[in-house]
Amino acid sequence: MKVTLPAPNRKFSLVDGLGLAGLVGLLVARYIPVAKIIPFWGCMLRETTGWPCFGCGLTRVADRVAHLNFSGAWEANPLGTVAALLFALLAVVAVLHMVFALPIPDVQLSPREWGWVRVALPIVILVNYAYVVVKTKFPHLLM
């Protein structure tokens, strides 16, 4: 892994865009009850089959993280909670970058490290999905 620190700047980057998306998403989750306002909001797969999809629990995660209920968010979807917290961190970094010209480190992974990411990420997603399925269909197993 190679990390470089550029000169202080205020150039809008991917980190700023993700931070802005995270900020907007968490503000909407905090102040607008989307699941109650939109009548068709919800997981169609879970409503028709009873089985959760890969994204089941993400609305609850956003709402609970926005209300600082981290344990409730973790219970709904652990990987979604990590993603929501990363979006919140990116929002803080984006504000610091745009207001104070804080340089954002440039991280470059080697081909071998990218290989590990390509192997680990699907495994993490499948383990998270297994947890969501067990939590939804077989909650007695988690007692």
N, C-alpha and C. Protein backbone atom coordinates (compact mmCIF):
# COMPACT_ATOMS: atom_id res chain seq x y z
N MET A 1 0.85 -1.16 0.00
CA MET A 1 0.00 0.00 0.00
C MET A 1 0.90 1.23 0.00
N LYS A 2 0.54 2.18 -0.85
CA LYS A 2 1.29 3.41 -0.94
C LYS A 2 0.35 4.57 -0.62
N VAL A 3 0.74 5.39 0.37
CA VAL A 3 -0.08 6.53 0.77
C VAL A 3 0.72 7.80 0.53
N THR A 4 0.12 8.72 -0.23
CA THR A 4 0.75 10.02 -0.47
C THR A 4 -0.19 11.11 0.01
N LEU A 5 0.40 12.20 0.45
CA LEU A 5 -0.38 13.33 0.94
C LEU A 5 -0.18 14.50 -0.02
N PRO A 6 -1.23 14.91 -0.75
CA PRO A 6 -1.07 16.02 -1.68
C PRO A 6 -0.99 17.35 -0.94
N ALA A 7 -0.68 18.38 -1.68
CA ALA A 7 -0.67 19.74 -1.10
C ALA A 7 -2.10 20.12 -0.72
N PRO A 8 -2.24 20.98 0.30
CA PRO A 8 -3.59 21.42 0.68
C PRO A 8 -4.34 21.99 -0.53
N ASN A 9 -5.60 21.57 -0.70
CA ASN A 9 -6.40 22.03 -1.83
C ASN A 9 -7.87 21.94 -1.48
N ARG A 10 -8.70 22.49 -2.36
CA ARG A 10 -10.14 22.41 -2.20
C ARG A 10 -10.79 21.83 -3.45
N LYS A 11 -10.06 21.00 -4.18
CA LYS A 11 -10.61 20.37 -5.38
C LYS A 11 -11.64 19.32 -4.97
N PHE A 12 -12.82 19.40 -5.59
CA PHE A 12 -13.89 18.45 -5.31
C PHE A 12 -13.47 17.09 -5.84
N SER A 13 -13.54 16.07 -4.99
CA SER A 13 -13.09 14.73 -5.37
C SER A 13 -14.17 13.70 -5.06
N LEU A 14 -13.85 12.45 -5.33
CA LEU A 14 -14.76 11.35 -5.03
C LEU A 14 -15.09 11.30 -3.54
N VAL A 15 -14.11 11.53 -2.70
CA VAL A 15 -14.35 11.53 -1.25
C VAL A 15 -15.36 12.61 -0.88
N ASP A 16 -15.25 13.77 -1.50
CA ASP A 16 -16.20 14.84 -1.22
C ASP A 16 -17.60 14.47 -1.69
N GLY A 17 -17.69 13.85 -2.86
CA GLY A 17 -18.99 13.42 -3.37
C GLY A 17 -19.63 12.37 -2.48
N LEU A 18 -18.85 11.39 -2.04
CA LEU A 18 -19.38 10.38 -1.14
C LEU A 18 -19.75 10.97 0.22
N GLY A 19 -18.95 11.92 0.68
CA GLY A 19 -19.27 12.60 1.93
C GLY A 19 -20.56 13.40 1.83
N LEU A 20 -20.75 14.08 0.70
CA LEU A 20 -21.99 14.84 0.48
C LEU A 20 -23.19 13.89 0.42
N ALA A 21 -23.03 12.77 -0.29
CA ALA A 21 -24.12 11.78 -0.36
C ALA A 21 -24.43 11.23 1.04
N GLY A 22 -23.40 10.96 1.82
CA GLY A 22 -23.60 10.47 3.18
C GLY A 22 -24.30 11.48 4.06
N LEU A 23 -23.88 12.73 3.94
CA LEU A 23 -24.51 13.80 4.74
C LEU A 23 -25.98 13.95 4.39
N VAL A 24 -26.29 14.01 3.10
CA VAL A 24 -27.69 14.14 2.67
C VAL A 24 -28.49 12.92 3.11
N GLY A 25 -27.93 11.72 2.91
CA GLY A 25 -28.64 10.51 3.30
C GLY A 25 -28.93 10.44 4.78
N LEU A 26 -27.95 10.78 5.61
CA LEU A 26 -28.16 10.73 7.05
C LEU A 26 -29.10 11.84 7.53
N LEU A 27 -29.07 13.00 6.88
CA LEU A 27 -30.02 14.07 7.24
C LEU A 27 -31.45 13.67 6.86
N VAL A 28 -31.62 13.05 5.70
CA VAL A 28 -32.95 12.56 5.31
C VAL A 28 -33.40 11.49 6.29
N ALA A 29 -32.52 10.57 6.64
CA ALA A 29 -32.88 9.51 7.58
C ALA A 29 -33.23 10.08 8.94
N ARG A 30 -32.59 11.18 9.31
CA ARG A 30 -32.82 11.78 10.63
C ARG A 30 -34.14 12.53 10.70
N TYR A 31 -34.48 13.26 9.62
CA TYR A 31 -35.61 14.18 9.70
C TYR A 31 -36.82 13.82 8.85
N ILE A 32 -36.71 12.86 7.94
CA ILE A 32 -37.84 12.50 7.07
C ILE A 32 -38.12 11.01 7.23
N PRO A 33 -39.29 10.64 7.74
CA PRO A 33 -39.62 9.22 7.91
C PRO A 33 -40.04 8.58 6.58
N VAL A 34 -39.06 8.29 5.74
CA VAL A 34 -39.31 7.81 4.39
C VAL A 34 -40.17 6.55 4.39
N ALA A 35 -39.90 5.61 5.26
CA ALA A 35 -40.64 4.34 5.28
C ALA A 35 -42.11 4.54 5.63
N LYS A 36 -42.43 5.61 6.32
CA LYS A 36 -43.83 5.88 6.69
C LYS A 36 -44.52 6.73 5.64
N ILE A 37 -43.78 7.55 4.93
CA ILE A 37 -44.38 8.46 3.94
C ILE A 37 -44.69 7.74 2.63
N ILE A 38 -43.75 6.93 2.14
CA ILE A 38 -43.91 6.27 0.85
C ILE A 38 -44.61 4.93 1.08
N PRO A 39 -45.82 4.75 0.52
CA PRO A 39 -46.61 3.55 0.85
C PRO A 39 -45.99 2.25 0.34
N PHE A 40 -45.24 2.27 -0.74
CA PHE A 40 -44.67 1.04 -1.29
C PHE A 40 -43.25 0.78 -0.80
N TRP A 41 -42.78 1.53 0.20
CA TRP A 41 -41.42 1.36 0.70
C TRP A 41 -41.30 0.04 1.45
N GLY A 42 -40.29 -0.69 1.18
CA GLY A 42 -40.05 -1.95 1.87
C GLY A 42 -39.44 -2.96 0.92
N CYS A 43 -39.14 -4.10 1.43
CA CYS A 43 -38.49 -5.16 0.67
C CYS A 43 -39.55 -6.06 0.05
N MET A 44 -39.70 -5.99 -1.26
CA MET A 44 -40.69 -6.81 -1.96
C MET A 44 -40.38 -8.30 -1.82
N LEU A 45 -39.10 -8.66 -1.87
CA LEU A 45 -38.73 -10.07 -1.73
C LEU A 45 -39.16 -10.59 -0.37
N ARG A 46 -38.89 -9.82 0.67
CA ARG A 46 -39.25 -10.26 2.01
C ARG A 46 -40.76 -10.29 2.21
N GLU A 47 -41.48 -9.33 1.61
CA GLU A 47 -42.93 -9.30 1.75
C GLU A 47 -43.60 -10.46 1.02
N THR A 48 -43.03 -10.89 -0.12
CA THR A 48 -43.67 -11.96 -0.88
C THR A 48 -43.18 -13.35 -0.48
N THR A 49 -41.92 -13.49 -0.13
CA THR A 49 -41.38 -14.82 0.18
C THR A 49 -41.07 -15.03 1.65
N GLY A 50 -40.89 -13.95 2.38
CA GLY A 50 -40.49 -14.06 3.77
C GLY A 50 -38.98 -14.10 3.96
N TRP A 51 -38.23 -14.17 2.85
CA TRP A 51 -36.78 -14.20 2.91
C TRP A 51 -36.22 -12.81 2.63
N PRO A 52 -35.22 -12.38 3.39
CA PRO A 52 -34.66 -11.04 3.18
C PRO A 52 -33.76 -10.98 1.94
N CYS A 53 -33.62 -9.79 1.41
CA CYS A 53 -32.68 -9.56 0.30
C CYS A 53 -31.33 -9.12 0.89
N PHE A 54 -30.36 -8.90 0.02
CA PHE A 54 -29.03 -8.47 0.48
C PHE A 54 -29.07 -7.12 1.18
N GLY A 55 -30.04 -6.27 0.81
CA GLY A 55 -30.11 -4.92 1.37
C GLY A 55 -31.13 -4.76 2.48
N CYS A 56 -31.71 -5.85 2.93
CA CYS A 56 -32.72 -5.75 3.98
C CYS A 56 -32.12 -5.14 5.25
N GLY A 57 -32.82 -4.17 5.79
CA GLY A 57 -32.39 -3.52 7.02
C GLY A 57 -31.65 -2.22 6.79
N LEU A 58 -31.35 -1.84 5.54
CA LEU A 58 -30.56 -0.64 5.31
C LEU A 58 -31.31 0.64 5.66
N THR A 59 -32.63 0.66 5.45
CA THR A 59 -33.40 1.84 5.85
C THR A 59 -33.37 1.99 7.37
N ARG A 60 -33.53 0.88 8.07
CA ARG A 60 -33.46 0.92 9.53
C ARG A 60 -32.07 1.31 10.01
N VAL A 61 -31.04 0.84 9.30
CA VAL A 61 -29.66 1.21 9.65
C VAL A 61 -29.48 2.72 9.53
N ALA A 62 -29.89 3.29 8.40
CA ALA A 62 -29.72 4.74 8.20
C ALA A 62 -30.48 5.51 9.28
N ASP A 63 -31.71 5.10 9.56
CA ASP A 63 -32.50 5.78 10.57
C ASP A 63 -31.85 5.67 11.95
N ARG A 64 -31.39 4.50 12.29
CA ARG A 64 -30.81 4.30 13.62
C ARG A 64 -29.45 4.96 13.77
N VAL A 65 -28.62 4.94 12.73
CA VAL A 65 -27.34 5.64 12.81
C VAL A 65 -27.58 7.14 12.91
N ALA A 66 -28.54 7.65 12.15
CA ALA A 66 -28.85 9.08 12.21
C ALA A 66 -29.36 9.49 13.59
N HIS A 67 -29.97 8.56 14.31
CA HIS A 67 -30.45 8.84 15.67
C HIS A 67 -29.46 8.35 16.73
N LEU A 68 -28.24 7.98 16.30
CA LEU A 68 -27.16 7.55 17.18
C LEU A 68 -27.47 6.27 17.95
N ASN A 69 -28.33 5.42 17.39
CA ASN A 69 -28.65 4.12 17.97
C ASN A 69 -27.80 3.07 17.25
N PHE A 70 -26.53 3.00 17.60
CA PHE A 70 -25.60 2.14 16.87
C PHE A 70 -25.85 0.65 17.12
N SER A 71 -26.24 0.28 18.31
CA SER A 71 -26.51 -1.14 18.57
C SER A 71 -27.73 -1.61 17.80
N GLY A 72 -28.75 -0.77 17.71
CA GLY A 72 -29.93 -1.13 16.92
C GLY A 72 -29.61 -1.22 15.44
N ALA A 73 -28.74 -0.33 14.97
CA ALA A 73 -28.33 -0.38 13.56
C ALA A 73 -27.53 -1.65 13.30
N TRP A 74 -26.64 -2.00 14.20
CA TRP A 74 -25.83 -3.21 14.04
C TRP A 74 -26.72 -4.45 14.00
N GLU A 75 -27.75 -4.45 14.81
CA GLU A 75 -28.67 -5.58 14.84
C GLU A 75 -29.44 -5.71 13.53
N ALA A 76 -29.78 -4.58 12.90
CA ALA A 76 -30.53 -4.61 11.64
C ALA A 76 -29.68 -5.12 10.48
N ASN A 77 -28.43 -4.66 10.38
CA ASN A 77 -27.55 -5.06 9.28
C ASN A 77 -26.14 -4.59 9.62
N PRO A 78 -25.26 -5.49 10.07
CA PRO A 78 -23.92 -5.08 10.49
C PRO A 78 -23.11 -4.39 9.40
N LEU A 79 -23.09 -4.94 8.20
CA LEU A 79 -22.30 -4.33 7.13
C LEU A 79 -22.88 -2.98 6.72
N GLY A 80 -24.20 -2.86 6.75
CA GLY A 80 -24.84 -1.57 6.48
C GLY A 80 -24.46 -0.53 7.52
N THR A 81 -24.31 -0.97 8.77
CA THR A 81 -23.89 -0.05 9.83
C THR A 81 -22.47 0.45 9.58
N VAL A 82 -21.59 -0.45 9.19
CA VAL A 82 -20.21 -0.04 8.87
C VAL A 82 -20.23 0.96 7.72
N ALA A 83 -21.03 0.68 6.69
CA ALA A 83 -21.12 1.59 5.54
C ALA A 83 -21.67 2.95 5.95
N ALA A 84 -22.72 2.96 6.77
CA ALA A 84 -23.30 4.24 7.21
C ALA A 84 -22.30 5.05 8.03
N LEU A 85 -21.55 4.37 8.89
CA LEU A 85 -20.55 5.08 9.68
C LEU A 85 -19.41 5.60 8.80
N LEU A 86 -19.04 4.84 7.76
CA LEU A 86 -18.03 5.33 6.82
C LEU A 86 -18.55 6.55 6.06
N PHE A 87 -19.82 6.53 5.66
CA PHE A 87 -20.39 7.70 5.00
C PHE A 87 -20.38 8.91 5.94
N ALA A 88 -20.68 8.70 7.21
CA ALA A 88 -20.64 9.80 8.18
C ALA A 88 -19.22 10.33 8.33
N LEU A 89 -18.24 9.43 8.39
CA LEU A 89 -16.84 9.84 8.47
C LEU A 89 -16.44 10.62 7.21
N LEU A 90 -16.85 10.14 6.05
CA LEU A 90 -16.54 10.85 4.80
C LEU A 90 -17.20 12.22 4.76
N ALA A 91 -18.37 12.36 5.36
CA ALA A 91 -19.01 13.68 5.43
C ALA A 91 -18.16 14.65 6.24
N VAL A 92 -17.63 14.18 7.36
CA VAL A 92 -16.77 15.03 8.19
C VAL A 92 -15.49 15.38 7.44
N VAL A 93 -14.89 14.38 6.78
CA VAL A 93 -13.66 14.63 6.01
C VAL A 93 -13.94 15.62 4.88
N ALA A 94 -15.07 15.48 4.20
CA ALA A 94 -15.40 16.39 3.10
C ALA A 94 -15.56 17.82 3.59
N VAL A 95 -16.21 17.99 4.73
CA VAL A 95 -16.36 19.35 5.29
C VAL A 95 -14.99 19.93 5.64
N LEU A 96 -14.16 19.14 6.30
CA LEU A 96 -12.82 19.62 6.65
C LEU A 96 -12.00 19.93 5.40
N HIS A 97 -12.16 19.12 4.37
CA HIS A 97 -11.42 19.33 3.14
C HIS A 97 -11.86 20.61 2.44
N MET A 98 -13.17 20.81 2.32
CA MET A 98 -13.67 21.97 1.58
C MET A 98 -13.55 23.27 2.38
N VAL A 99 -13.67 23.21 3.68
CA VAL A 99 -13.62 24.44 4.49
C VAL A 99 -12.18 24.82 4.83
N PHE A 100 -11.38 23.85 5.26
CA PHE A 100 -10.03 24.15 5.74
C PHE A 100 -8.92 23.69 4.80
N ALA A 101 -9.27 23.24 3.59
CA ALA A 101 -8.30 22.76 2.60
C ALA A 101 -7.45 21.62 3.14
N LEU A 102 -8.05 20.79 3.99
CA LEU A 102 -7.36 19.63 4.52
C LEU A 102 -7.04 18.67 3.37
N PRO A 103 -5.79 18.29 3.20
CA PRO A 103 -5.48 17.36 2.11
C PRO A 103 -6.00 15.96 2.42
N ILE A 104 -6.54 15.32 1.39
CA ILE A 104 -7.05 13.97 1.53
C ILE A 104 -5.97 13.00 1.04
N PRO A 105 -5.53 12.07 1.88
CA PRO A 105 -4.48 11.15 1.47
C PRO A 105 -4.90 10.33 0.25
N ASP A 106 -3.95 10.08 -0.63
CA ASP A 106 -4.17 9.25 -1.80
C ASP A 106 -3.62 7.87 -1.49
N VAL A 107 -4.50 6.88 -1.45
CA VAL A 107 -4.10 5.51 -1.10
C VAL A 107 -4.13 4.67 -2.37
N GLN A 108 -3.02 4.02 -2.65
CA GLN A 108 -2.93 3.14 -3.81
C GLN A 108 -2.57 1.74 -3.33
N LEU A 109 -3.41 0.77 -3.72
CA LEU A 109 -3.17 -0.62 -3.35
C LEU A 109 -2.40 -1.32 -4.46
N SER A 110 -1.56 -2.25 -4.07
CA SER A 110 -0.82 -3.05 -5.05
C SER A 110 -1.78 -4.07 -5.67
N PRO A 111 -1.40 -4.67 -6.79
CA PRO A 111 -2.26 -5.71 -7.38
C PRO A 111 -2.56 -6.86 -6.42
N ARG A 112 -1.58 -7.22 -5.61
CA ARG A 112 -1.81 -8.30 -4.63
C ARG A 112 -2.84 -7.88 -3.58
N GLU A 113 -2.75 -6.63 -3.10
CA GLU A 113 -3.72 -6.14 -2.11
C GLU A 113 -5.12 -6.05 -2.73
N TRP A 114 -5.21 -5.63 -3.98
CA TRP A 114 -6.51 -5.61 -4.66
C TRP A 114 -7.06 -7.03 -4.77
N GLY A 115 -6.19 -8.00 -4.98
CA GLY A 115 -6.62 -9.39 -5.02
C GLY A 115 -7.25 -9.82 -3.70
N TRP A 116 -6.63 -9.43 -2.59
CA TRP A 116 -7.20 -9.75 -1.28
C TRP A 116 -8.55 -9.07 -1.08
N VAL A 117 -8.67 -7.83 -1.56
CA VAL A 117 -9.95 -7.12 -1.45
C VAL A 117 -11.02 -7.86 -2.25
N ARG A 118 -10.67 -8.29 -3.46
CA ARG A 118 -11.63 -9.01 -4.32
C ARG A 118 -12.05 -10.35 -3.72
N VAL A 119 -11.22 -10.95 -2.92
CA VAL A 119 -11.58 -12.21 -2.26
C VAL A 119 -12.37 -11.93 -0.98
N ALA A 120 -11.91 -10.98 -0.20
CA ALA A 120 -12.51 -10.73 1.11
C ALA A 120 -13.89 -10.09 1.03
N LEU A 121 -14.09 -9.17 0.10
CA LEU A 121 -15.35 -8.44 0.04
C LEU A 121 -16.56 -9.35 -0.19
N PRO A 122 -16.53 -10.26 -1.17
CA PRO A 122 -17.69 -11.17 -1.31
C PRO A 122 -17.92 -12.05 -0.09
N ILE A 123 -16.84 -12.45 0.57
CA ILE A 123 -16.98 -13.27 1.78
C ILE A 123 -17.67 -12.47 2.88
N VAL A 124 -17.25 -11.23 3.07
CA VAL A 124 -17.87 -10.36 4.09
C VAL A 124 -19.34 -10.14 3.76
N ILE A 125 -19.65 -9.91 2.49
CA ILE A 125 -21.05 -9.69 2.09
C ILE A 125 -21.88 -10.94 2.36
N LEU A 126 -21.36 -12.11 2.03
CA LEU A 126 -22.11 -13.35 2.26
C LEU A 126 -22.30 -13.64 3.75
N VAL A 127 -21.28 -13.37 4.56
CA VAL A 127 -21.42 -13.57 6.01
C VAL A 127 -22.46 -12.61 6.57
N ASN A 128 -22.45 -11.37 6.11
CA ASN A 128 -23.45 -10.40 6.54
C ASN A 128 -24.85 -10.86 6.15
N TYR A 129 -24.99 -11.34 4.90
CA TYR A 129 -26.30 -11.81 4.44
C TYR A 129 -26.76 -13.02 5.25
N ALA A 130 -25.84 -13.91 5.58
CA ALA A 130 -26.19 -15.07 6.40
C ALA A 130 -26.72 -14.61 7.76
N TYR A 131 -26.09 -13.59 8.33
CA TYR A 131 -26.57 -13.05 9.61
C TYR A 131 -27.98 -12.49 9.45
N VAL A 132 -28.23 -11.72 8.38
CA VAL A 132 -29.55 -11.12 8.17
C VAL A 132 -30.60 -12.22 7.98
N VAL A 133 -30.27 -13.27 7.25
CA VAL A 133 -31.21 -14.38 7.05
C VAL A 133 -31.51 -15.06 8.37
N VAL A 134 -30.48 -15.37 9.14
CA VAL A 134 -30.70 -16.02 10.43
C VAL A 134 -31.50 -15.12 11.36
N LYS A 135 -31.18 -13.84 11.37
CA LYS A 135 -31.89 -12.88 12.23
C LYS A 135 -33.38 -12.81 11.85
N THR A 136 -33.66 -12.88 10.53
CA THR A 136 -35.03 -12.76 10.05
C THR A 136 -35.83 -14.07 10.18
N LYS A 137 -35.23 -15.16 9.73
CA LYS A 137 -35.96 -16.43 9.64
C LYS A 137 -35.79 -17.34 10.86
N PHE A 138 -34.65 -17.26 11.50
CA PHE A 138 -34.35 -18.18 12.61
C PHE A 138 -33.80 -17.41 13.81
N PRO A 139 -34.52 -16.44 14.35
CA PRO A 139 -33.97 -15.61 15.42
C PRO A 139 -33.65 -16.41 16.69
N HIS A 140 -34.30 -17.54 16.87
CA HIS A 140 -34.03 -18.36 18.06
C HIS A 140 -32.61 -18.90 18.08
N LEU A 141 -31.95 -18.97 16.91
CA LEU A 141 -30.57 -19.45 16.85
C LEU A 141 -29.57 -18.43 17.39
N LEU A 142 -29.97 -17.18 17.49
CA LEU A 142 -29.07 -16.14 17.97
C LEU A 142 -29.20 -15.88 19.46
N MET A 143 -30.02 -16.61 20.14
CA MET A 143 -30.21 -16.39 21.57
C MET A 143 -29.07 -16.96 22.36
